[in-house]
N, C-alpha and C. Protein backbone atom coordinates (compact mmCIF):
# COMPACT_ATOMS: atom_id res chain seq x y z
N UNK A 1 -28.11 23.24 15.85
CA UNK A 1 -27.22 23.35 15.69
C UNK A 1 -25.86 22.75 16.69
N UNK A 2 -26.41 22.19 17.48
CA UNK A 2 -25.68 21.23 18.65
C UNK A 2 -25.86 19.97 17.50
N UNK A 3 -26.58 19.44 17.23
CA UNK A 3 -26.61 17.87 16.91
C UNK A 3 -25.63 18.05 15.53
N UNK A 4 -25.98 19.08 14.99
CA UNK A 4 -24.74 19.33 14.05
C UNK A 4 -23.34 18.90 13.94
N UNK A 5 -23.04 20.02 15.24
CA UNK A 5 -21.78 19.43 16.04
C UNK A 5 -21.28 18.41 16.56
N UNK A 6 -22.21 17.60 16.77
CA UNK A 6 -22.04 16.13 17.31
C UNK A 6 -21.30 15.48 16.51
N UNK A 7 -22.98 15.55 15.31
CA UNK A 7 -22.56 14.64 14.29
C UNK A 7 -21.29 14.64 13.63
N UNK A 8 -20.46 16.02 13.05
CA UNK A 8 -19.34 16.59 12.80
C UNK A 8 -17.77 15.89 13.62
N UNK A 9 -18.64 15.78 15.01
CA UNK A 9 -17.63 15.57 16.08
C UNK A 9 -17.16 14.18 15.97
N UNK A 10 -18.32 13.56 15.61
CA UNK A 10 -18.06 11.86 15.61
C UNK A 10 -17.25 11.37 14.62
N UNK A 11 -17.94 11.63 12.96
CA UNK A 11 -17.64 12.04 11.70
C UNK A 11 -15.47 12.26 11.87
N UNK A 12 -15.28 13.01 12.46
CA UNK A 12 -13.71 13.22 12.56
C UNK A 12 -13.59 12.45 13.50
N UNK A 13 -13.39 11.97 15.09
CA UNK A 13 -13.19 10.54 15.59
C UNK A 13 -13.18 9.82 14.62
N UNK A 14 -14.52 9.26 13.97
CA UNK A 14 -14.26 8.05 13.63
C UNK A 14 -13.24 8.63 12.33
N UNK A 15 -13.15 8.92 11.71
CA UNK A 15 -12.40 9.28 10.31
C UNK A 15 -10.71 9.17 10.90
N UNK A 16 -10.45 9.91 11.81
CA UNK A 16 -9.29 9.87 12.57
C UNK A 16 -8.96 8.48 13.18
N UNK A 17 -9.93 7.77 13.86
CA UNK A 17 -9.51 6.27 14.16
C UNK A 17 -9.26 5.48 13.23
N UNK A 18 -10.28 5.49 11.48
CA UNK A 18 -10.04 4.55 10.61
C UNK A 18 -8.53 5.20 9.89
N UNK A 19 -8.03 6.11 10.25
CA UNK A 19 -6.26 6.33 9.78
C UNK A 19 -5.60 5.91 10.27
N UNK A 20 -5.70 5.62 11.68
CA UNK A 20 -4.76 5.00 12.59
C UNK A 20 -4.61 3.79 12.65
N UNK A 21 -5.75 2.52 12.02
CA UNK A 21 -6.33 1.95 11.91
C UNK A 21 -5.37 0.98 10.96
N UNK A 22 -5.58 1.83 9.51
CA UNK A 22 -5.25 1.39 8.41
C UNK A 22 -3.45 1.76 8.23
N UNK A 23 -2.88 2.60 9.13
CA UNK A 23 -1.36 2.46 9.15
C UNK A 23 -1.54 1.35 9.36
N UNK A 24 -1.61 0.61 9.93
CA UNK A 24 -1.22 -0.88 10.72
C UNK A 24 -1.10 -2.07 9.58
N UNK A 25 -1.59 -1.63 8.71
CA UNK A 25 -2.01 -2.71 8.07
C UNK A 25 -1.58 -3.11 6.60
N UNK A 26 -1.21 -3.64 5.80
CA UNK A 26 -0.20 -3.84 4.46
C UNK A 26 -1.32 -3.90 3.52
N UNK A 27 -1.00 -2.99 2.17
CA UNK A 27 -1.43 -2.58 1.25
C UNK A 27 -1.26 -4.04 0.48
N UNK A 28 -2.25 -5.03 -0.86
CA UNK A 28 -2.13 -6.03 -1.23
C UNK A 28 -3.08 -5.97 -2.39
N UNK A 29 -1.95 -5.96 -3.33
CA UNK A 29 -2.42 -5.43 -4.89
C UNK A 29 -2.55 -7.24 -5.19
N UNK A 30 -3.86 -7.50 -5.23
CA UNK A 30 -4.20 -8.59 -5.57
C UNK A 30 -4.83 -9.00 -6.92
N UNK A 31 -4.58 -10.20 -7.20
CA UNK A 31 -5.25 -10.70 -8.79
C UNK A 31 -4.74 -10.07 -9.95
N UNK A 32 -3.17 -9.94 -9.61
CA UNK A 32 -1.85 -9.11 -10.98
C UNK A 32 -1.79 -10.16 -11.42
N UNK A 33 -2.12 -10.23 -12.85
CA UNK A 33 -2.00 -11.60 -13.61
C UNK A 33 -1.14 -11.58 -14.73
N UNK A 34 -0.45 -10.12 -15.05
CA UNK A 34 1.03 -10.32 -16.10
C UNK A 34 2.22 -10.68 -15.05
N UNK A 35 3.15 -11.22 -16.10
CA UNK A 35 4.72 -11.36 -15.48
C UNK A 35 4.98 -9.85 -14.59
N UNK A 36 5.63 -9.88 -13.57
CA UNK A 36 6.64 -8.92 -13.58
C UNK A 36 8.07 -8.85 -13.13
N UNK A 37 8.53 -7.75 -14.15
CA UNK A 37 9.81 -7.37 -13.83
C UNK A 37 10.73 -6.12 -13.11
N UNK A 38 11.56 -6.22 -12.72
CA UNK A 38 12.13 -4.89 -12.26
C UNK A 38 13.27 -3.94 -13.22
N UNK A 39 13.41 -2.82 -12.83
CA UNK A 39 14.43 -2.03 -13.76
C UNK A 39 13.60 -1.22 -14.67
N UNK A 40 14.42 -0.26 -15.29
CA UNK A 40 13.61 0.19 -16.53
C UNK A 40 12.57 0.26 -17.69
N UNK A 41 12.90 -0.96 -17.72
CA UNK A 41 12.50 -1.74 -19.24
C UNK A 41 10.92 -2.73 -18.21
N UNK A 42 11.12 -2.80 -17.36
CA UNK A 42 9.89 -4.03 -16.79
C UNK A 42 8.43 -3.38 -16.69
N UNK A 43 8.06 -4.01 -16.01
CA UNK A 43 6.62 -3.84 -15.98
C UNK A 43 5.86 -3.05 -14.68
N UNK A 44 7.64 -2.58 -13.82
CA UNK A 44 7.37 -1.66 -13.02
C UNK A 44 8.34 -0.82 -13.05
N UNK A 45 7.93 0.52 -12.84
CA UNK A 45 9.22 1.76 -13.06
C UNK A 45 9.17 2.35 -11.92
N UNK A 46 10.19 2.61 -11.21
CA UNK A 46 10.53 3.21 -9.46
C UNK A 46 11.92 3.39 -9.80
N UNK A 47 12.65 3.88 -8.94
CA UNK A 47 13.68 5.05 -8.36
C UNK A 47 13.82 4.75 -7.17
N UNK A 48 14.88 4.68 -7.08
CA UNK A 48 15.12 4.89 -5.08
C UNK A 48 16.90 5.28 -5.25
N UNK A 49 17.20 6.03 -4.09
CA UNK A 49 18.35 6.78 -3.72
C UNK A 49 18.16 6.74 -2.73
N UNK A 50 19.81 7.52 -2.33
CA UNK A 50 20.38 7.43 -0.75
C UNK A 50 20.29 6.52 -0.38
N UNK A 51 20.63 5.90 -0.78
CA UNK A 51 20.57 4.29 0.35
C UNK A 51 18.99 2.87 0.31
N UNK A 52 18.02 4.06 0.24
CA UNK A 52 16.73 3.53 -0.27
C UNK A 52 16.64 2.09 -1.31
N UNK A 53 15.68 1.04 -1.11
CA UNK A 53 15.53 0.62 -2.14
C UNK A 53 14.10 -0.21 -2.19
N UNK A 54 13.96 -0.68 -3.27
CA UNK A 54 12.58 -0.91 -3.45
C UNK A 54 13.18 -2.46 -4.77
N UNK A 55 12.29 -3.48 -4.27
CA UNK A 55 11.94 -4.79 -5.09
C UNK A 55 10.42 -4.93 -5.16
N UNK A 56 10.20 -5.32 -6.18
CA UNK A 56 8.49 -6.08 -6.79
C UNK A 56 8.40 -7.04 -7.80
N UNK A 57 8.38 -8.01 -7.02
CA UNK A 57 7.81 -9.32 -7.34
C UNK A 57 6.53 -10.06 -7.25
N UNK A 58 6.07 -11.38 -8.25
CA UNK A 58 5.10 -11.61 -7.95
C UNK A 58 4.89 -12.64 -6.86
N UNK A 59 4.18 -12.93 -6.45
CA UNK A 59 3.81 -13.83 -5.25
C UNK A 59 2.58 -14.44 -4.87
N UNK A 60 2.38 -15.97 -5.03
CA UNK A 60 1.53 -16.26 -5.11
C UNK A 60 1.07 -17.06 -3.41
N UNK A 61 1.64 -16.58 -2.66
CA UNK A 61 0.92 -17.37 -1.30
C UNK A 61 0.76 -16.07 -0.48
N UNK A 62 0.48 -14.83 -0.89
CA UNK A 62 0.26 -13.68 0.08
C UNK A 62 -1.42 -13.01 -1.17
N UNK A 63 -1.60 -14.08 -1.87
CA UNK A 63 -2.83 -13.40 -2.72
C UNK A 63 -3.74 -13.92 -2.08
N UNK A 64 -5.13 -13.20 -2.55
CA UNK A 64 -6.77 -13.33 -1.97
C UNK A 64 -7.38 -14.56 -3.19
N UNK A 65 -7.57 -13.97 -4.09
CA UNK A 65 -8.28 -14.17 -5.38
C UNK A 65 -7.08 -14.34 -6.35
N UNK A 66 -6.97 -14.70 -7.40
CA UNK A 66 -6.56 -14.87 -8.68
C UNK A 66 -5.31 -15.56 -8.57
N UNK A 67 -4.62 -15.47 -9.49
CA UNK A 67 -3.29 -16.76 -9.78
C UNK A 67 -2.58 -16.44 -8.85
N UNK A 68 -2.24 -14.27 -8.54
CA UNK A 68 -1.05 -13.88 -8.14
C UNK A 68 -1.58 -12.84 -7.35
N UNK A 69 -0.42 -12.10 -6.50
CA UNK A 69 -0.82 -10.62 -6.43
C UNK A 69 0.99 -10.09 -6.79
N UNK A 70 0.73 -8.58 -6.40
CA UNK A 70 2.16 -7.65 -6.46
C UNK A 70 2.78 -7.67 -4.67
N UNK A 71 4.30 -8.18 -5.11
CA UNK A 71 4.89 -8.02 -3.67
C UNK A 71 5.64 -6.97 -3.82
N UNK A 72 5.69 -5.70 -3.32
CA UNK A 72 6.87 -4.69 -3.49
C UNK A 72 7.29 -4.72 -1.82
N UNK A 73 8.63 -4.85 -1.48
CA UNK A 73 9.58 -5.07 -0.52
C UNK A 73 10.90 -3.59 -0.74
N UNK A 74 10.14 -2.85 0.48
CA UNK A 74 10.83 -1.52 0.24
C UNK A 74 11.89 -1.28 1.79
N UNK A 75 12.75 -0.25 1.24
CA UNK A 75 13.57 0.03 2.51
C UNK A 75 13.92 1.56 2.73
N UNK A 76 12.94 2.35 2.93
CA UNK A 76 13.25 3.42 2.88
C UNK A 76 14.13 3.94 4.02
N UNK A 77 15.29 5.26 3.12
CA UNK A 77 16.17 5.85 4.11
C UNK A 77 16.12 7.13 3.86
N UNK A 78 15.88 7.66 5.23
CA UNK A 78 15.64 9.55 5.28
C UNK A 78 16.74 10.08 4.83
N UNK A 79 16.67 11.08 4.28
CA UNK A 79 17.74 11.90 3.66
C UNK A 79 17.48 12.44 1.98
């Protein structure tokens, strides 16, 4: 019973540590090989309101594999 509690506590600590470190990293959608266009008729459908903004583009300078990656720049305003 005590061994089970120690394993559970260790798993909880490692899981929380992983979440904390993941919050500092960027998300990269790599190997995105189609053309990217904004707006309701584009390849990416999004909406923003209350002063928030979202811009989606293709980028070749941040890719790891393939020809390009998907770059998302956003400004989220509370409210």
